[in-house]
Structures are given as C-alpha cells and as structure tokens.
C-alpha cells in the first residue's frame, strides 16, 4: 500500500487539514493518509499548546470522518524533536510492505532543502506537495516530488484558530464540529 504521511503539530487540527487529508486519500496518489501528530516540530520555535493526548484525540475525530484516513502516533514514542527522515525509516521498518511518502505544503517547500536528510527523504520515500495561498507551486516538479496542482487551498492556520479562541470567537467553521466540541469540553486554547 502507498501511504501519505501528513505530519504536524495539529494544535489544533482544523478544517483545512481535514479537507487536505480527505482529498489526498481519495485523489489516487496514495491508498491511505496517516495524520502523524508530532510532539515538537524541529522547524518551528513555538510551543505546543494542547497535550499530545488532546491533539491525538482531535486528529482521531477527524480521521474517523474521512475516507482512508488514519492517525499515526509513532512520533509519540520517538525522541523530541522528531525528524521526518527518522520517522519514515521507523515506519518502513515496522511496515516493510508499505511505501511511504510525506505530504507537505508549498510553504514548507521553500525551506525543504534545510530539512535533515532532505535528499534521502526525496529519493528514498518521495514528497507530495499541496498548494498553500501565497506560495505558488514551481513550474517544474523536482525529482522525487509530486505537486498536487488541483488540491484545494485554504488560508486557515492552527495559530489563527488559537488566536480566535483566545479572543472568544466561535470557531465552528474553522475546525470540524467534533474538534470544536472537544476544544469546548476540554477548555483548550483559552490562554
């Protein structure tokens, strides 16, 4: 099986994440998408606001509503910060019959060459790149990358959702209903 690894903090997972995971899982490039919740992204300096458990549960609620989308908690048992190549190698060892590719936004493409083992990620696994507003996809695909030119673009971000929650906004249309309910019950992102 071909598996797309969609990694991130998902703090919180929002509607854009949900749309993209569902789109990639159904567009024919991979058989499944595994939302892989990271404990700490080495490329980001910000803190994680919700617990690992809370972020996993919110991701699971999204995955349960999408076709061919699952949650992968492998990075919860790995050293912090998690590096993509290490995660992919561990997954390949655990599931040798599967082929893994990572899924990143075109905003991450700009700094991709600074990632640890970027060339190995591209050559051994492959990269699926979706468009993000303000970061157009280049005209040519580098070797080892697939551009999702027809994927929906979304401008919402987790940091924006957290800001809206702190300001008392209703975020029901920024996050899936199950995530909005979880955030409310757990009283997350108020500070």
C-alpha atoms as a PDB file:
ATOM      1  CA  UNK A   1       0.000   0.000   0.000  1.00  0.00           C
ATOM      2  CA  UNK A   2       1.057   3.574  -0.625  1.00  0.00           C
ATOM      3  CA  UNK A   3       0.748   5.708   2.493  1.00  0.00           C
ATOM      4  CA  UNK A   4       0.880   9.503   2.642  1.00  0.00           C
ATOM      5  CA  UNK A   5       2.336  10.708   5.940  1.00  0.00           C
ATOM      6  CA  UNK A   6       0.743  14.041   6.827  1.00  0.00           C
ATOM      7  CA  UNK A   7       2.757  15.249   9.787  1.00  0.00           C
ATOM      8  CA  UNK A   8       2.419  18.278  12.002  1.00  0.00           C
ATOM      9  CA  UNK A   9       1.601  19.620  15.424  1.00  0.00           C
ATOM     10  CA  UNK A  10      -2.130  19.830  14.612  1.00  0.00           C
ATOM     11  CA  UNK A  11      -2.562  22.259  17.505  1.00  0.00           C
ATOM     12  CA  UNK A  12      -5.487  22.151  16.763  1.00  0.00           C
ATOM     13  CA  UNK A  13      -6.277  20.195  13.635  1.00  0.00           C
ATOM     14  CA  UNK A  14      -8.520  22.455  11.536  1.00  0.00           C
ATOM     15  CA  UNK A  15     -10.854  22.271   8.566  1.00  0.00           C
ATOM     16  CA  UNK A  16      -8.039  22.856   6.077  1.00  0.00           C
ATOM     17  CA  UNK A  17      -6.112  19.880   7.462  1.00  0.00           C
ATOM     18  CA  UNK A  18      -9.273  17.776   7.239  1.00  0.00           C
ATOM     19  CA  UNK A  19     -10.036  18.796   3.671  1.00  0.00           C
ATOM     20  CA  UNK A  20      -6.497  18.115   2.539  1.00  0.00           C
ATOM     21  CA  UNK A  21      -6.198  14.706   4.243  1.00  0.00           C
ATOM     22  CA  UNK A  22      -9.523  13.648   2.726  1.00  0.00           C
ATOM     23  CA  UNK A  23      -8.547  14.995  -0.715  1.00  0.00           C
ATOM     24  CA  UNK A  24      -5.135  13.269  -0.825  1.00  0.00           C
ATOM     25  CA  UNK A  25      -6.609   9.991   0.433  1.00  0.00           C
ATOM     26  CA  UNK A  26      -9.086   9.974  -2.455  1.00  0.00           C
ATOM     27  CA  UNK A  27      -7.187  11.516  -5.379  1.00  0.00           C
ATOM     28  CA  UNK A  28      -5.396   8.290  -6.356  1.00  0.00           C
ATOM     29  CA  UNK A  29      -1.789   9.122  -5.428  1.00  0.00           C
ATOM     30  CA  UNK A  30      -1.860   7.093  -2.189  1.00  0.00           C
ATOM     31  CA  UNK A  31      -4.116   4.416  -0.728  1.00  0.00           C
ATOM     32  CA  UNK A  32      -4.275   5.990   2.731  1.00  0.00           C
ATOM     33  CA  UNK A  33      -3.245   9.133   4.562  1.00  0.00           C
ATOM     34  CA  UNK A  34      -1.867   8.810   8.072  1.00  0.00           C
ATOM     35  CA  UNK A  35      -2.186  12.006  10.114  1.00  0.00           C
ATOM     36  CA  UNK A  36       1.016  11.851  12.157  1.00  0.00           C
ATOM     37  CA  UNK A  37       0.862  14.074  15.210  1.00  0.00           C
ATOM     38  CA  UNK A  38       4.277  15.423  16.157  1.00  0.00           C
ATOM     39  CA  UNK A  39       5.355  16.183  19.690  1.00  0.00           C
ATOM     40  CA  UNK A  40       7.670  19.001  18.554  1.00  0.00           C
ATOM     41  CA  UNK A  41       8.430  20.233  15.055  1.00  0.00           C
ATOM     42  CA  UNK A  42      12.175  20.955  14.736  1.00  0.00           C
ATOM     43  CA  UNK A  43      11.464  23.660  12.129  1.00  0.00           C
ATOM     44  CA  UNK A  44       9.153  25.659  14.418  1.00  0.00           C
ATOM     45  CA  UNK A  45      10.120  27.502  17.558  1.00  0.00           C
ATOM     46  CA  UNK A  46       6.642  27.874  19.059  1.00  0.00           C
ATOM     47  CA  UNK A  47       5.443  25.807  21.952  1.00  0.00           C
ATOM     48  CA  UNK A  48       2.775  23.136  21.726  1.00  0.00           C
ATOM     49  CA  UNK A  49      -0.404  24.381  23.433  1.00  0.00           C
ATOM     50  CA  UNK A  50      -2.544  21.253  23.812  1.00  0.00           C
ATOM     51  CA  UNK A  51      -1.279  17.960  25.213  1.00  0.00           C
ATOM     52  CA  UNK A  52      -0.171  15.098  22.980  1.00  0.00           C
ATOM     53  CA  UNK A  53      -3.265  13.164  24.058  1.00  0.00           C
ATOM     54  CA  UNK A  54      -5.626  16.030  23.232  1.00  0.00           C
ATOM     55  CA  UNK A  55      -4.075  16.597  19.801  1.00  0.00           C
ATOM     56  CA  UNK A  56      -4.220  12.872  19.019  1.00  0.00           C
ATOM     57  CA  UNK A  57      -7.877  12.668  20.067  1.00  0.00           C
ATOM     58  CA  UNK A  58      -8.803  15.667  17.907  1.00  0.00           C
ATOM     59  CA  UNK A  59      -6.950  14.112  14.956  1.00  0.00           C
ATOM     60  CA  UNK A  60      -8.722  10.785  15.548  1.00  0.00           C
ATOM     61  CA  UNK A  61     -12.095  12.519  15.464  1.00  0.00           C
ATOM     62  CA  UNK A  62     -11.206  13.987  12.056  1.00  0.00           C
ATOM     63  CA  UNK A  63      -9.822  10.711  10.691  1.00  0.00           C
ATOM     64  CA  UNK A  64     -12.990   8.875  11.698  1.00  0.00           C
ATOM     65  CA  UNK A  65     -14.985  11.155   9.385  1.00  0.00           C
ATOM     66  CA  UNK A  66     -12.696  10.832   6.326  1.00  0.00           C
ATOM     67  CA  UNK A  67     -12.270   8.042   3.820  1.00  0.00           C
ATOM     68  CA  UNK A  68      -8.944   6.167   4.033  1.00  0.00           C
ATOM     69  CA  UNK A  69      -7.510   8.483   6.697  1.00  0.00           C
ATOM     70  CA  UNK A  70      -5.987   7.194   9.925  1.00  0.00           C
ATOM     71  CA  UNK A  71      -3.977   8.624  12.802  1.00  0.00           C
ATOM     72  CA  UNK A  72      -0.397   7.529  13.411  1.00  0.00           C
ATOM     73  CA  UNK A  73       1.057   8.080  16.877  1.00  0.00           C
ATOM     74  CA  UNK A  74       4.581   6.818  16.096  1.00  0.00           C
ATOM     75  CA  UNK A  75       6.240  10.134  16.943  1.00  0.00           C
ATOM     76  CA  UNK A  76       4.846   9.981  20.476  1.00  0.00           C
ATOM     77  CA  UNK A  77       7.440   7.285  21.253  1.00  0.00           C
ATOM     78  CA  UNK A  78      10.338   8.928  19.388  1.00  0.00           C
ATOM     79  CA  UNK A  79      12.941  11.423  20.643  1.00  0.00           C
ATOM     80  CA  UNK A  80      11.963  15.095  20.658  1.00  0.00           C
ATOM     81  CA  UNK A  81      12.147  16.816  18.263  1.00  0.00           C
ATOM     82  CA  UNK A  82      11.072  14.332  15.627  1.00  0.00           C
ATOM     83  CA  UNK A  83      12.872  14.419  12.309  1.00  0.00           C
ATOM     84  CA  UNK A  84      10.909  13.342   9.250  1.00  0.00           C
ATOM     85  CA  UNK A  85      13.557  11.007   7.861  1.00  0.00           C
ATOM     86  CA  UNK A  86      13.803   9.156  11.190  1.00  0.00           C
ATOM     87  CA  UNK A  87      10.022   8.792  11.317  1.00  0.00           C
ATOM     88  CA  UNK A  88       9.867   7.479   7.762  1.00  0.00           C
ATOM     89  CA  UNK A  89      12.697   4.996   8.416  1.00  0.00           C
ATOM     90  CA  UNK A  90      10.945   3.716  11.539  1.00  0.00           C
ATOM     91  CA  UNK A  91       7.660   3.335   9.647  1.00  0.00           C
ATOM     92  CA  UNK A  92       9.419   1.489   6.819  1.00  0.00           C
ATOM     93  CA  UNK A  93      10.930  -0.893   9.395  1.00  0.00           C
ATOM     94  CA  UNK A  94       7.562  -1.524  11.046  1.00  0.00           C
ATOM     95  CA  UNK A  95       5.597  -1.811   7.794  1.00  0.00           C
ATOM     96  CA  UNK A  96       8.037  -3.100   5.141  1.00  0.00           C
ATOM     97  CA  UNK A  97       5.244  -3.916   2.682  1.00  0.00           C
ATOM     98  CA  UNK A  98       4.102  -0.292   2.537  1.00  0.00           C
ATOM     99  CA  UNK A  99       5.526   2.592   0.534  1.00  0.00           C
ATOM    100  CA  UNK A 100       5.632   5.907   2.409  1.00  0.00           C
ATOM    101  CA  UNK A 101       5.601   9.479   1.085  1.00  0.00           C
ATOM    102  CA  UNK A 102       5.395  12.669   3.095  1.00  0.00           C
ATOM    103  CA  UNK A 103       2.809  15.360   2.459  1.00  0.00           C
ATOM    104  CA  UNK A 104       3.897  18.995   2.832  1.00  0.00           C
ATOM    105  CA  UNK A 105       2.536  22.400   1.893  1.00  0.00           C
ATOM    106  CA  UNK A 106       4.158  24.596  -0.719  1.00  0.00           C
ATOM    107  CA  UNK A 107       5.077  26.979   2.126  1.00  0.00           C
ATOM    108  CA  UNK A 108       7.344  24.231   3.527  1.00  0.00           C
ATOM    109  CA  UNK A 109       8.858  23.634   0.105  1.00  0.00           C
ATOM    110  CA  UNK A 110      10.877  26.859   0.380  1.00  0.00           C
ATOM    111  CA  UNK A 111      12.919  25.557   3.309  1.00  0.00           C
ATOM    112  CA  UNK A 112      12.789  21.877   2.448  1.00  0.00           C
ATOM    113  CA  UNK A 113      16.464  21.641   1.499  1.00  0.00           C
ATOM    114  CA  UNK A 114      17.353  22.665   5.087  1.00  0.00           C
ATOM    115  CA  UNK A 115      15.497  19.667   6.498  1.00  0.00           C
ATOM    116  CA  UNK A 116      17.704  16.947   7.938  1.00  0.00           C
ATOM    117  CA  UNK A 117      18.304  14.335   5.201  1.00  0.00           C
ATOM    118  CA  UNK A 118      16.131  16.199   2.677  1.00  0.00           C
ATOM    119  CA  UNK A 119      17.744  14.404  -0.278  1.00  0.00           C
ATOM    120  CA  UNK A 120      17.185  10.995   1.322  1.00  0.00           C
ATOM    121  CA  UNK A 121      13.549  11.856   2.066  1.00  0.00           C
ATOM    122  CA  UNK A 122      13.041  12.729  -1.591  1.00  0.00           C
ATOM    123  CA  UNK A 123      14.991   9.793  -3.058  1.00  0.00           C
ATOM    124  CA  UNK A 124      14.023   7.003  -0.642  1.00  0.00           C
ATOM    125  CA  UNK A 125      10.431   7.984   0.058  1.00  0.00           C
ATOM    126  CA  UNK A 126       9.070  10.858  -2.002  1.00  0.00           C
ATOM    127  CA  UNK A 127       7.256  14.089  -1.270  1.00  0.00           C
ATOM    128  CA  UNK A 128       3.706  15.120  -2.116  1.00  0.00           C
ATOM    129  CA  UNK A 129       3.341  18.925  -2.184  1.00  0.00           C
ATOM    130  CA  UNK A 130      -0.014  20.699  -1.946  1.00  0.00           C
ATOM    131  CA  UNK A 131      -0.543  24.393  -2.724  1.00  0.00           C
ATOM    132  CA  UNK A 132      -0.821  26.988   0.036  1.00  0.00           C
ATOM    133  CA  UNK A 133      -2.092  30.545  -0.514  1.00  0.00           C
ATOM    134  CA  UNK A 134       0.780  32.903  -1.276  1.00  0.00           C
ATOM    135  CA  UNK A 135       3.190  30.062  -2.101  1.00  0.00           C
ATOM    136  CA  UNK A 136       2.610  29.018  -5.714  1.00  0.00           C
ATOM    137  CA  UNK A 137       3.950  25.683  -6.841  1.00  0.00           C
ATOM    138  CA  UNK A 138       7.017  25.928  -9.087  1.00  0.00           C
ATOM    139  CA  UNK A 139       6.554  25.255 -12.809  1.00  0.00           C
ATOM    140  CA  UNK A 140       8.605  22.044 -12.680  1.00  0.00           C
ATOM    141  CA  UNK A 141       8.496  19.189 -10.195  1.00  0.00           C
ATOM    142  CA  UNK A 142      11.895  18.344  -8.722  1.00  0.00           C
ATOM    143  CA  UNK A 143      12.783  14.655  -8.816  1.00  0.00           C
ATOM    144  CA  UNK A 144      11.115  12.747  -6.001  1.00  0.00           C
ATOM    145  CA  UNK A 145       8.257  15.247  -5.654  1.00  0.00           C
ATOM    146  CA  UNK A 146       4.652  15.222  -6.826  1.00  0.00           C
ATOM    147  CA  UNK A 147       2.734  18.504  -6.989  1.00  0.00           C
ATOM    148  CA  UNK A 148      -0.997  18.444  -6.253  1.00  0.00           C
ATOM    149  CA  UNK A 149      -1.933  21.254  -8.607  1.00  0.00           C
ATOM    150  CA  UNK A 150      -5.681  20.640  -8.244  1.00  0.00           C
ATOM    151  CA  UNK A 151      -5.774  20.405  -4.461  1.00  0.00           C
ATOM    152  CA  UNK A 152      -7.972  22.889  -2.606  1.00  0.00           C
ATOM    153  CA  UNK A 153      -6.145  25.771  -0.967  1.00  0.00           C
ATOM    154  CA  UNK A 154      -7.007  27.030   2.487  1.00  0.00           C
ATOM    155  CA  UNK A 155      -5.863  30.084   4.388  1.00  0.00           C
ATOM    156  CA  UNK A 156      -6.731  28.971   7.910  1.00  0.00           C
ATOM    157  CA  UNK A 157      -3.917  28.020  10.283  1.00  0.00           C
ATOM    158  CA  UNK A 158      -3.757  26.490  13.746  1.00  0.00           C
ATOM    159  CA  UNK A 159      -2.219  29.679  15.151  1.00  0.00           C
ATOM    160  CA  UNK A 160      -5.141  31.698  13.744  1.00  0.00           C
ATOM    161  CA  UNK A 161      -7.648  29.277  15.287  1.00  0.00           C
ATOM    162  CA  UNK A 162      -5.899  29.543  18.673  1.00  0.00           C
ATOM    163  CA  UNK A 163      -5.960  33.344  18.429  1.00  0.00           C
ATOM    164  CA  UNK A 164      -9.686  33.358  17.626  1.00  0.00           C
ATOM    165  CA  UNK A 165     -10.415  31.050  20.570  1.00  0.00           C
ATOM    166  CA  UNK A 166      -8.414  33.304  22.930  1.00  0.00           C
ATOM    167  CA  UNK A 167     -10.447  36.258  21.628  1.00  0.00           C
ATOM    168  CA  UNK A 168     -13.712  34.432  22.341  1.00  0.00           C
ATOM    169  CA  UNK A 169     -14.715  33.789  18.737  1.00  0.00           C
ATOM    170  CA  UNK A 170     -16.934  30.948  17.594  1.00  0.00           C
ATOM    171  CA  UNK A 171     -14.562  28.708  15.594  1.00  0.00           C
ATOM    172  CA  UNK A 172     -17.184  26.198  14.467  1.00  0.00           C
ATOM    173  CA  UNK A 173     -16.411  26.788  10.784  1.00  0.00           C
ATOM    174  CA  UNK A 174     -12.632  26.865  11.220  1.00  0.00           C
ATOM    175  CA  UNK A 175     -12.421  23.399  12.790  1.00  0.00           C
ATOM    176  CA  UNK A 176     -14.605  20.315  12.304  1.00  0.00           C
ATOM    177  CA  UNK A 177     -17.605  20.130  14.655  1.00  0.00           C
ATOM    178  CA  UNK A 178     -16.104  17.218  16.605  1.00  0.00           C
ATOM    179  CA  UNK A 179     -12.918  19.254  17.173  1.00  0.00           C
ATOM    180  CA  UNK A 180     -14.879  22.382  18.193  1.00  0.00           C
ATOM    181  CA  UNK A 181     -16.809  20.283  20.711  1.00  0.00           C
ATOM    182  CA  UNK A 182     -13.621  18.700  22.069  1.00  0.00           C
ATOM    183  CA  UNK A 183     -11.955  22.106  22.442  1.00  0.00           C
ATOM    184  CA  UNK A 184     -15.005  23.456  24.290  1.00  0.00           C
ATOM    185  CA  UNK A 185     -15.312  20.461  26.633  1.00  0.00           C
ATOM    186  CA  UNK A 186     -11.580  20.499  27.431  1.00  0.00           C
ATOM    187  CA  UNK A 187     -11.474  24.312  27.588  1.00  0.00           C
ATOM    188  CA  UNK A 188      -8.402  24.385  25.328  1.00  0.00           C
ATOM    189  CA  UNK A 189      -6.558  27.404  23.922  1.00  0.00           C
ATOM    190  CA  UNK A 190      -8.186  29.977  26.216  1.00  0.00           C
ATOM    191  CA  UNK A 191      -4.813  31.387  27.350  1.00  0.00           C
END
